[in-house]
Amino acid sequence: MERGHAAVEFALAVAVLMLPVALVVTAFGPWSERRVFAESAAAETARAAVITLDLNLGEEVLAGAIAAYGLDRTAVRLGWCGAEPSPLPRGQGSCSMDRGTAVSVEIEVWATLVNTPWGPVGGLWVHADHFEPIDLYRSIP
């Protein structure tokens, strides 16, 4: 009568132990992808703002990256020079554009943990920041 219990218990134990591992493995890909996007978007946004000396043009670069990546604008938050990141179209904060200062950008991107056929389940904000110095010898109009 007790033959086969070990096989059933083994199958249940493997299923119970492997399900969380499978969920973590499937959640890691999108999280990692969003982190890379946040880091590159922060660098490009800060760089565009420093080159043009205009935060609005930096935000246009970010909006273009969001559109090219296929994200919803509500899934990205932006903060300038130490301000708390907020939803677009206008991020919080302002920066000094004087020679020798630095423009800092904080970007947060929403990463869904698990996508199911019934919709996304859970998620977290992936954070990235970047500091871009304004050249000391730049000609500022």
Protein backbone atom coordinates (compact mmCIF):
# COMPACT_ATOMS: atom_id res chain seq x y z
CA MET A 1 0.00 0.00 0.00
CA GLU A 2 2.89 2.39 0.64
CA ARG A 3 4.60 1.77 -2.67
CA GLY A 4 4.81 4.84 -4.83
CA HIS A 5 4.51 7.41 -2.02
CA ALA A 6 8.14 8.41 -2.43
CA ALA A 7 7.64 9.17 -6.11
CA VAL A 8 4.54 11.28 -5.42
CA GLU A 9 6.25 13.14 -2.57
CA PHE A 10 9.31 13.74 -4.73
CA ALA A 11 7.19 15.13 -7.57
CA LEU A 12 5.31 17.46 -5.20
CA ALA A 13 8.53 18.62 -3.52
CA VAL A 14 10.16 19.38 -6.87
CA ALA A 15 7.09 21.28 -8.04
CA VAL A 16 6.89 23.32 -4.84
CA LEU A 17 10.61 24.12 -4.90
CA MET A 18 10.92 24.73 -8.63
CA LEU A 19 7.92 27.02 -9.06
CA PRO A 20 9.51 29.96 -7.18
CA VAL A 21 12.79 29.41 -9.01
CA ALA A 22 11.01 29.44 -12.37
CA LEU A 23 9.19 32.66 -11.44
CA VAL A 24 12.45 34.35 -10.42
CA VAL A 25 14.18 33.28 -13.63
CA THR A 26 11.34 34.58 -15.81
CA ALA A 27 11.18 37.87 -13.85
CA PHE A 28 14.92 38.55 -14.11
CA GLY A 29 14.95 39.17 -17.88
CA PRO A 30 12.49 42.08 -18.01
CA TRP A 31 13.94 43.59 -14.82
CA SER A 32 17.45 43.52 -16.25
CA GLU A 33 16.25 44.94 -19.56
CA ARG A 34 14.52 47.86 -17.83
CA ARG A 35 17.61 48.53 -15.73
CA VAL A 36 19.79 48.81 -18.83
CA PHE A 37 17.21 51.12 -20.41
CA ALA A 38 17.10 53.33 -17.29
CA GLU A 39 20.89 53.64 -17.16
CA SER A 40 21.26 54.52 -20.84
CA ALA A 41 18.28 56.89 -20.79
CA ALA A 42 19.70 58.72 -17.76
CA ALA A 43 23.07 59.15 -19.47
CA GLU A 44 21.57 60.35 -22.76
CA THR A 45 19.13 62.72 -21.04
CA ALA A 46 21.87 64.33 -18.94
CA ARG A 47 24.22 64.55 -21.91
CA ALA A 48 21.60 66.23 -24.10
CA ALA A 49 20.79 68.74 -21.37
CA VAL A 50 24.48 69.63 -20.89
CA ILE A 51 25.24 69.92 -24.59
CA THR A 52 22.25 72.17 -25.30
CA LEU A 53 22.14 73.82 -21.83
CA ASP A 54 18.40 73.19 -21.83
CA LEU A 55 16.54 70.73 -19.59
CA ASN A 56 13.57 70.68 -21.96
CA LEU A 57 15.71 69.27 -24.77
CA GLY A 58 17.01 66.63 -22.37
CA GLU A 59 13.41 65.64 -21.65
CA GLU A 60 12.71 65.46 -25.39
CA VAL A 61 15.58 62.98 -25.73
CA LEU A 62 14.07 60.92 -22.91
CA ALA A 63 10.62 61.04 -24.54
CA GLY A 64 12.16 59.83 -27.80
CA ALA A 65 13.88 56.94 -26.01
CA ILE A 66 10.61 55.98 -24.32
CA ALA A 67 8.78 55.99 -27.65
CA ALA A 68 11.55 54.03 -29.40
CA TYR A 69 11.55 51.44 -26.64
CA GLY A 70 7.76 51.10 -26.75
CA LEU A 71 7.14 52.06 -23.13
CA ASP A 72 4.16 53.90 -21.73
CA ARG A 73 5.09 57.40 -20.54
CA THR A 74 3.49 56.66 -17.17
CA ALA A 75 6.07 53.89 -16.63
CA VAL A 76 8.94 56.40 -16.45
CA ARG A 77 9.68 59.08 -13.83
CA LEU A 78 12.32 61.82 -14.06
CA GLY A 79 14.06 64.03 -11.51
CA TRP A 80 16.63 66.76 -12.15
CA CYS A 81 19.52 67.68 -9.80
CA GLY A 82 18.44 65.89 -6.64
CA ALA A 83 14.68 66.33 -6.99
CA GLU A 84 12.37 63.38 -6.39
CA PRO A 85 11.54 61.70 -9.73
CA SER A 86 8.03 62.45 -11.01
CA PRO A 87 6.00 61.43 -14.06
CA LEU A 88 6.57 63.09 -17.39
CA PRO A 89 5.94 65.41 -19.28
CA ARG A 90 7.87 67.66 -16.87
CA GLY A 91 10.23 66.11 -14.36
CA GLN A 92 10.79 67.72 -10.97
CA GLY A 93 13.68 70.04 -10.22
CA SER A 94 15.96 72.40 -12.04
CA CYS A 95 19.71 72.62 -12.49
CA SER A 96 22.25 75.40 -12.61
CA MET A 97 23.82 75.63 -16.05
CA ASP A 98 26.94 77.50 -14.89
CA ARG A 99 30.41 76.43 -15.96
CA GLY A 100 31.90 73.75 -13.74
CA THR A 101 28.59 72.57 -12.29
CA ALA A 102 27.08 69.17 -12.92
CA VAL A 103 23.67 68.17 -14.17
CA SER A 104 22.30 65.11 -12.41
CA VAL A 105 19.42 63.01 -13.65
CA GLU A 106 17.46 60.35 -11.78
CA ILE A 107 15.22 58.07 -13.82
CA GLU A 108 12.90 55.39 -12.51
CA VAL A 109 11.32 52.83 -14.83
CA TRP A 110 8.49 50.47 -13.84
CA ALA A 111 9.40 46.80 -14.31
CA THR A 112 6.64 44.21 -14.10
CA LEU A 113 7.73 41.13 -12.17
CA VAL A 114 5.62 38.50 -13.92
CA ASN A 115 3.55 38.75 -17.09
CA THR A 116 0.68 36.28 -17.17
CA PRO A 117 -2.01 35.71 -19.81
CA TRP A 118 -4.37 37.58 -17.45
CA GLY A 119 -2.11 40.61 -17.10
CA PRO A 120 0.96 41.72 -15.20
CA VAL A 121 1.51 40.68 -11.60
CA GLY A 122 3.60 42.79 -9.26
CA GLY A 123 6.42 45.10 -10.14
CA LEU A 124 9.05 47.50 -8.90
CA TRP A 125 10.67 50.79 -9.85
CA VAL A 126 14.13 50.34 -11.35
CA HIS A 127 16.36 53.30 -10.51
CA ALA A 128 19.30 54.84 -12.40
CA ASP A 129 21.11 58.12 -12.08
CA HIS A 130 23.79 59.95 -14.03
CA PHE A 131 25.94 63.05 -13.45
CA GLU A 132 27.22 65.03 -16.40
CA PRO A 133 29.61 67.96 -15.81
CA ILE A 134 29.37 71.22 -17.71
CA ASP A 135 32.78 72.00 -19.18
CA LEU A 136 34.72 74.75 -17.38
CA TYR A 137 35.87 76.26 -20.67
CA ARG A 138 32.61 76.10 -22.56
CA SER A 139 31.33 79.22 -24.28
CA ILE A 140 27.96 79.92 -22.71
CA PRO A 141 25.77 82.39 -24.61
